[in-house]
């Protein structure tokens, strides 16, 4: 069960990382297209239009950066929640193991007493 939860957690992280990479790639492609359009405007002698496009690109890059930071923070928080959840499970399993070990020791002691009693009689 623990390994199943860990696998699910790792898969969630991988999917989120893949989505972030895809968005980054998409943003890079958009940036390249805008830069090409800016160059085309400059070649046509439309410097004012090129500057407007560059300002729009700068604003878009700032938004993309904020979105990326937000996604990274969300990913970190998800990872922390998963880690906390896993730690709770581990702690519970450790308690159960201690309890089972104690019960086993008690049973061994009882068997030893019974064996001794049987040997005496």
N, C-alpha and C. Protein backbone atom coordinates (compact mmCIF):
# COMPACT_ATOMS: atom_id res chain seq x y z
N UNK A 1 0.82 -1.19 0.00
CA UNK A 1 0.00 0.00 0.00
C UNK A 1 0.87 1.26 0.00
N UNK A 2 1.91 1.22 0.80
CA UNK A 2 2.82 2.35 0.88
C UNK A 2 3.48 2.61 -0.47
N UNK A 3 3.93 1.53 -1.13
CA UNK A 3 4.59 1.70 -2.43
C UNK A 3 3.59 2.18 -3.49
N UNK A 4 2.33 1.76 -3.37
CA UNK A 4 1.30 2.22 -4.31
C UNK A 4 1.09 3.73 -4.16
N UNK A 5 1.01 4.20 -2.92
CA UNK A 5 0.83 5.63 -2.67
C UNK A 5 2.04 6.41 -3.17
N UNK A 6 3.23 5.86 -2.96
CA UNK A 6 4.45 6.53 -3.41
C UNK A 6 4.48 6.60 -4.93
N UNK A 7 4.09 5.52 -5.60
CA UNK A 7 4.06 5.51 -7.07
C UNK A 7 3.07 6.55 -7.58
N UNK A 8 1.89 6.63 -6.96
CA UNK A 8 0.89 7.60 -7.39
C UNK A 8 1.41 9.02 -7.19
N UNK A 9 2.08 9.26 -6.08
CA UNK A 9 2.65 10.57 -5.80
C UNK A 9 3.71 10.93 -6.85
N UNK A 10 4.58 9.99 -7.16
CA UNK A 10 5.62 10.23 -8.16
C UNK A 10 5.02 10.48 -9.53
N UNK A 11 3.96 9.75 -9.87
CA UNK A 11 3.31 9.96 -11.16
C UNK A 11 2.69 11.35 -11.24
N UNK A 12 2.07 11.78 -10.15
CA UNK A 12 1.47 13.12 -10.11
C UNK A 12 2.53 14.17 -10.35
N UNK A 13 3.66 14.02 -9.69
CA UNK A 13 4.77 14.97 -9.86
C UNK A 13 5.27 14.95 -11.30
N UNK A 14 5.44 13.76 -11.87
CA UNK A 14 5.93 13.65 -13.26
C UNK A 14 4.97 14.30 -14.24
N UNK A 15 3.69 14.09 -14.04
CA UNK A 15 2.69 14.69 -14.93
C UNK A 15 2.75 16.21 -14.83
N UNK A 16 2.82 16.73 -13.60
CA UNK A 16 2.89 18.18 -13.42
C UNK A 16 4.17 18.75 -14.04
N UNK A 17 5.28 18.04 -13.91
CA UNK A 17 6.53 18.49 -14.52
C UNK A 17 6.42 18.48 -16.05
N UNK A 18 5.79 17.46 -16.60
CA UNK A 18 5.62 17.37 -18.05
C UNK A 18 4.75 18.52 -18.57
N UNK A 19 3.71 18.84 -17.81
CA UNK A 19 2.83 19.96 -18.20
C UNK A 19 3.63 21.27 -18.18
N UNK A 20 4.45 21.46 -17.14
CA UNK A 20 5.27 22.68 -17.05
C UNK A 20 6.24 22.77 -18.22
N UNK A 21 6.87 21.65 -18.58
CA UNK A 21 7.80 21.64 -19.71
C UNK A 21 7.08 21.96 -21.01
N UNK A 22 5.88 21.41 -21.19
CA UNK A 22 5.11 21.66 -22.40
C UNK A 22 4.74 23.14 -22.50
N UNK A 23 4.33 23.72 -21.38
CA UNK A 23 3.99 25.15 -21.37
C UNK A 23 5.21 26.00 -21.70
N UNK A 24 6.37 25.62 -21.14
CA UNK A 24 7.60 26.36 -21.41
C UNK A 24 7.94 26.29 -22.90
N UNK A 25 7.81 25.12 -23.48
CA UNK A 25 8.06 24.95 -24.91
C UNK A 25 7.09 25.82 -25.72
N UNK A 26 5.82 25.79 -25.35
CA UNK A 26 4.81 26.58 -26.05
C UNK A 26 5.14 28.07 -25.95
N UNK A 27 5.53 28.52 -24.76
CA UNK A 27 5.88 29.93 -24.58
C UNK A 27 7.10 30.30 -25.42
N UNK A 28 8.07 29.41 -25.48
CA UNK A 28 9.27 29.66 -26.30
C UNK A 28 8.90 29.81 -27.77
N UNK A 29 7.98 28.96 -28.23
CA UNK A 29 7.54 29.04 -29.62
C UNK A 29 6.79 30.35 -29.87
N UNK A 30 5.94 30.75 -28.91
CA UNK A 30 5.21 32.01 -29.06
C UNK A 30 6.19 33.19 -29.09
N UNK A 31 7.17 33.14 -28.20
CA UNK A 31 8.17 34.22 -28.15
C UNK A 31 8.90 34.33 -29.49
N UNK A 32 9.29 33.18 -30.05
CA UNK A 32 10.00 33.18 -31.33
C UNK A 32 9.13 33.80 -32.44
N UNK A 33 7.86 33.45 -32.47
CA UNK A 33 6.95 34.01 -33.48
C UNK A 33 6.82 35.52 -33.34
N UNK A 34 6.71 35.98 -32.09
CA UNK A 34 6.57 37.42 -31.85
C UNK A 34 7.86 38.13 -32.26
N UNK A 35 9.01 37.55 -31.94
CA UNK A 35 10.29 38.17 -32.34
C UNK A 35 10.40 38.26 -33.87
N UNK A 36 9.94 37.22 -34.55
CA UNK A 36 9.95 37.25 -36.02
C UNK A 36 9.03 38.34 -36.54
N UNK A 37 7.88 38.51 -35.91
CA UNK A 37 6.94 39.56 -36.32
C UNK A 37 7.54 40.95 -36.07
N UNK A 38 8.25 41.10 -34.96
CA UNK A 38 8.91 42.37 -34.65
C UNK A 38 9.94 42.70 -35.74
N UNK A 39 10.74 41.71 -36.10
CA UNK A 39 11.74 41.91 -37.15
C UNK A 39 11.08 42.28 -38.48
N UNK A 40 9.97 41.62 -38.79
CA UNK A 40 9.25 41.92 -40.04
C UNK A 40 8.75 43.36 -40.03
N UNK A 41 8.25 43.82 -38.88
CA UNK A 41 7.77 45.21 -38.77
C UNK A 41 8.93 46.18 -38.97
N UNK A 42 10.08 45.85 -38.39
CA UNK A 42 11.25 46.73 -38.53
C UNK A 42 11.72 46.78 -39.99
N UNK A 43 11.67 45.63 -40.66
CA UNK A 43 12.08 45.58 -42.07
C UNK A 43 11.17 46.45 -42.94
N UNK A 44 9.93 46.56 -42.52
CA UNK A 44 8.98 47.40 -43.27
C UNK A 44 9.05 48.86 -42.83
N UNK A 45 9.95 49.14 -41.88
CA UNK A 45 10.11 50.51 -41.43
C UNK A 45 9.06 50.94 -40.41
N UNK A 46 8.43 50.00 -39.77
CA UNK A 46 7.39 50.30 -38.80
C UNK A 46 7.93 50.12 -37.37
N UNK A 47 8.84 51.02 -37.00
CA UNK A 47 9.52 50.92 -35.70
C UNK A 47 8.54 51.06 -34.54
N UNK A 48 7.57 51.95 -34.65
CA UNK A 48 6.60 52.14 -33.56
C UNK A 48 5.82 50.85 -33.31
N UNK A 49 5.39 50.21 -34.36
CA UNK A 49 4.66 48.94 -34.25
C UNK A 49 5.55 47.87 -33.62
N UNK A 50 6.82 47.84 -34.03
CA UNK A 50 7.77 46.86 -33.48
C UNK A 50 7.95 47.07 -31.98
N UNK A 51 8.02 48.35 -31.56
CA UNK A 51 8.19 48.64 -30.12
C UNK A 51 6.97 48.21 -29.33
N UNK A 52 5.79 48.42 -29.89
CA UNK A 52 4.56 48.00 -29.21
C UNK A 52 4.57 46.48 -29.04
N UNK A 53 4.97 45.79 -30.09
CA UNK A 53 5.02 44.32 -30.03
C UNK A 53 6.05 43.86 -29.00
N UNK A 54 7.19 44.55 -28.93
CA UNK A 54 8.21 44.18 -27.94
C UNK A 54 7.70 44.39 -26.52
N UNK A 55 6.96 45.47 -26.30
CA UNK A 55 6.38 45.71 -24.98
C UNK A 55 5.38 44.61 -24.62
N UNK A 56 4.60 44.22 -25.61
CA UNK A 56 3.63 43.14 -25.38
C UNK A 56 4.35 41.84 -25.05
N UNK A 57 5.46 41.59 -25.75
CA UNK A 57 6.25 40.39 -25.48
C UNK A 57 6.83 40.42 -24.07
N UNK A 58 7.34 41.56 -23.65
CA UNK A 58 7.89 41.70 -22.30
C UNK A 58 6.81 41.43 -21.25
N UNK A 59 5.61 41.97 -21.48
CA UNK A 59 4.50 41.73 -20.55
C UNK A 59 4.11 40.25 -20.53
N UNK A 60 4.07 39.65 -21.70
CA UNK A 60 3.72 38.22 -21.78
C UNK A 60 4.76 37.37 -21.06
N UNK A 61 6.04 37.71 -21.24
CA UNK A 61 7.10 36.95 -20.58
C UNK A 61 7.00 37.07 -19.06
N UNK A 62 6.64 38.26 -18.59
CA UNK A 62 6.47 38.44 -17.14
C UNK A 62 5.32 37.58 -16.62
N UNK A 63 4.23 37.53 -17.40
CA UNK A 63 3.10 36.69 -17.00
C UNK A 63 3.47 35.21 -17.04
N UNK A 64 4.17 34.80 -18.08
CA UNK A 64 4.60 33.40 -18.17
C UNK A 64 5.49 33.04 -16.99
N UNK A 65 6.38 33.96 -16.65
CA UNK A 65 7.28 33.72 -15.53
C UNK A 65 6.50 33.56 -14.23
N UNK A 66 5.51 34.44 -14.03
CA UNK A 66 4.68 34.36 -12.83
C UNK A 66 3.88 33.05 -12.81
N UNK A 67 3.35 32.68 -13.97
CA UNK A 67 2.60 31.41 -14.07
C UNK A 67 3.51 30.23 -13.76
N UNK A 68 4.73 30.28 -14.29
CA UNK A 68 5.68 29.19 -14.06
C UNK A 68 6.04 29.11 -12.57
N UNK A 69 6.31 30.27 -11.97
CA UNK A 69 6.63 30.30 -10.54
C UNK A 69 5.48 29.74 -9.72
N UNK A 70 4.28 30.12 -10.09
CA UNK A 70 3.10 29.62 -9.39
C UNK A 70 2.99 28.11 -9.53
N UNK A 71 3.23 27.60 -10.72
CA UNK A 71 3.18 26.15 -10.96
C UNK A 71 4.25 25.43 -10.15
N UNK A 72 5.45 26.01 -10.10
CA UNK A 72 6.53 25.40 -9.32
C UNK A 72 6.17 25.39 -7.84
N UNK A 73 5.61 26.49 -7.35
CA UNK A 73 5.20 26.55 -5.95
C UNK A 73 4.10 25.53 -5.65
N UNK A 74 3.14 25.41 -6.57
CA UNK A 74 2.08 24.41 -6.40
C UNK A 74 2.68 23.01 -6.35
N UNK A 75 3.64 22.75 -7.22
CA UNK A 75 4.30 21.45 -7.27
C UNK A 75 5.04 21.17 -5.96
N UNK A 76 5.73 22.19 -5.44
CA UNK A 76 6.44 22.03 -4.17
C UNK A 76 5.47 21.74 -3.04
N UNK A 77 4.37 22.49 -3.00
CA UNK A 77 3.38 22.28 -1.94
C UNK A 77 2.77 20.88 -2.04
N UNK A 78 2.48 20.43 -3.24
CA UNK A 78 1.93 19.09 -3.44
C UNK A 78 2.93 18.04 -2.96
N UNK A 79 4.19 18.27 -3.28
CA UNK A 79 5.24 17.33 -2.86
C UNK A 79 5.35 17.30 -1.33
N UNK A 80 5.27 18.49 -0.70
CA UNK A 80 5.32 18.55 0.76
C UNK A 80 4.14 17.83 1.39
N UNK A 81 2.94 18.03 0.81
CA UNK A 81 1.75 17.35 1.33
C UNK A 81 1.91 15.83 1.20
N UNK A 82 2.42 15.40 0.07
CA UNK A 82 2.63 13.97 -0.15
C UNK A 82 3.65 13.43 0.85
N UNK A 83 4.71 14.19 1.08
CA UNK A 83 5.74 13.77 2.03
C UNK A 83 5.17 13.65 3.43
N UNK A 84 4.37 14.65 3.82
CA UNK A 84 3.74 14.61 5.14
C UNK A 84 2.81 13.41 5.25
N UNK A 85 2.04 13.17 4.22
CA UNK A 85 1.12 12.04 4.20
C UNK A 85 1.89 10.73 4.32
N UNK A 86 2.98 10.62 3.58
CA UNK A 86 3.79 9.40 3.63
C UNK A 86 4.40 9.23 5.02
N UNK A 87 4.81 10.34 5.64
CA UNK A 87 5.41 10.25 6.97
C UNK A 87 4.37 9.77 7.98
N UNK A 88 3.14 10.22 7.84
CA UNK A 88 2.06 9.77 8.73
C UNK A 88 1.86 8.25 8.58
N UNK A 89 1.87 7.79 7.34
CA UNK A 89 1.71 6.35 7.09
C UNK A 89 2.88 5.58 7.69
N UNK A 90 4.09 6.07 7.49
CA UNK A 90 5.27 5.40 8.02
C UNK A 90 5.21 5.34 9.54
N UNK A 91 4.84 6.44 10.17
CA UNK A 91 4.73 6.49 11.64
C UNK A 91 3.70 5.47 12.12
N UNK A 92 2.57 5.41 11.46
CA UNK A 92 1.53 4.46 11.85
C UNK A 92 2.03 3.02 11.70
N UNK A 93 2.71 2.74 10.60
CA UNK A 93 3.25 1.39 10.38
C UNK A 93 4.32 1.04 11.42
N UNK A 94 5.12 2.02 11.79
CA UNK A 94 6.13 1.77 12.83
C UNK A 94 5.46 1.41 14.15
N UNK A 95 4.39 2.14 14.50
CA UNK A 95 3.63 1.84 15.73
C UNK A 95 3.04 0.44 15.67
N UNK A 96 2.46 0.09 14.52
CA UNK A 96 1.89 -1.25 14.37
C UNK A 96 2.95 -2.33 14.48
N UNK A 97 4.13 -2.06 13.93
CA UNK A 97 5.24 -3.02 14.02
C UNK A 97 5.69 -3.19 15.47
N UNK A 98 5.80 -2.09 16.20
CA UNK A 98 6.19 -2.17 17.62
C UNK A 98 5.16 -2.97 18.41
N UNK A 99 3.89 -2.71 18.13
CA UNK A 99 2.82 -3.43 18.82
C UNK A 99 2.89 -4.92 18.49
N UNK A 100 3.06 -5.25 17.24
CA UNK A 100 3.14 -6.65 16.84
C UNK A 100 4.37 -7.32 17.44
N UNK A 101 5.48 -6.60 17.50
CA UNK A 101 6.70 -7.15 18.11
C UNK A 101 6.48 -7.41 19.60
N UNK A 102 5.82 -6.48 20.28
CA UNK A 102 5.54 -6.66 21.70
C UNK A 102 4.63 -7.87 21.92
N UNK A 103 3.59 -7.99 21.08
CA UNK A 103 2.68 -9.14 21.19
C UNK A 103 3.44 -10.45 20.94
N UNK A 104 4.35 -10.42 19.96
CA UNK A 104 5.14 -11.60 19.65
C UNK A 104 6.02 -11.98 20.83
N UNK A 105 6.62 -10.98 21.46
CA UNK A 105 7.46 -11.24 22.63
C UNK A 105 6.64 -11.83 23.77
N UNK A 106 5.43 -11.29 23.97
CA UNK A 106 4.54 -11.81 25.01
C UNK A 106 4.19 -13.28 24.73
N UNK A 107 3.88 -13.56 23.48
CA UNK A 107 3.54 -14.94 23.12
C UNK A 107 4.74 -15.87 23.31
N UNK A 108 5.91 -15.41 22.95
CA UNK A 108 7.12 -16.22 23.15
C UNK A 108 7.33 -16.52 24.63
N UNK A 109 7.10 -15.51 25.47
CA UNK A 109 7.25 -15.70 26.92
C UNK A 109 6.23 -16.71 27.42
N UNK A 110 4.99 -16.60 26.93
CA UNK A 110 3.94 -17.55 27.36
C UNK A 110 4.28 -18.97 26.91
N UNK A 111 4.79 -19.11 25.69
CA UNK A 111 5.18 -20.43 25.19
C UNK A 111 6.31 -20.98 26.05
N UNK A 112 7.24 -20.14 26.39
CA UNK A 112 8.37 -20.57 27.22
C UNK A 112 7.88 -21.06 28.59
N UNK A 113 6.95 -20.32 29.19
CA UNK A 113 6.40 -20.72 30.49
C UNK A 113 5.65 -22.04 30.36
N UNK A 114 4.83 -22.16 29.32
CA UNK A 114 4.08 -23.39 29.11
C UNK A 114 5.02 -24.57 28.85
N UNK A 115 6.06 -24.33 28.08
CA UNK A 115 7.03 -25.39 27.79
C UNK A 115 7.71 -25.83 29.09
N UNK A 116 8.09 -24.87 29.90
CA UNK A 116 8.73 -25.19 31.19
C UNK A 116 7.77 -25.97 32.07
N UNK A 117 6.51 -25.54 32.13
CA UNK A 117 5.49 -26.24 32.94
C UNK A 117 5.30 -27.67 32.44
N UNK A 118 5.28 -27.83 31.13
CA UNK A 118 5.10 -29.17 30.57
C UNK A 118 6.28 -30.07 30.89
N UNK A 119 7.47 -29.49 30.81
CA UNK A 119 8.67 -30.28 31.11
C UNK A 119 8.70 -30.72 32.57
N UNK A 120 8.20 -29.88 33.47
CA UNK A 120 8.18 -30.19 34.90
C UNK A 120 7.17 -31.29 35.22
N UNK A 121 6.11 -31.32 34.44
CA UNK A 121 5.07 -32.31 34.77
C UNK A 121 5.24 -33.54 33.95
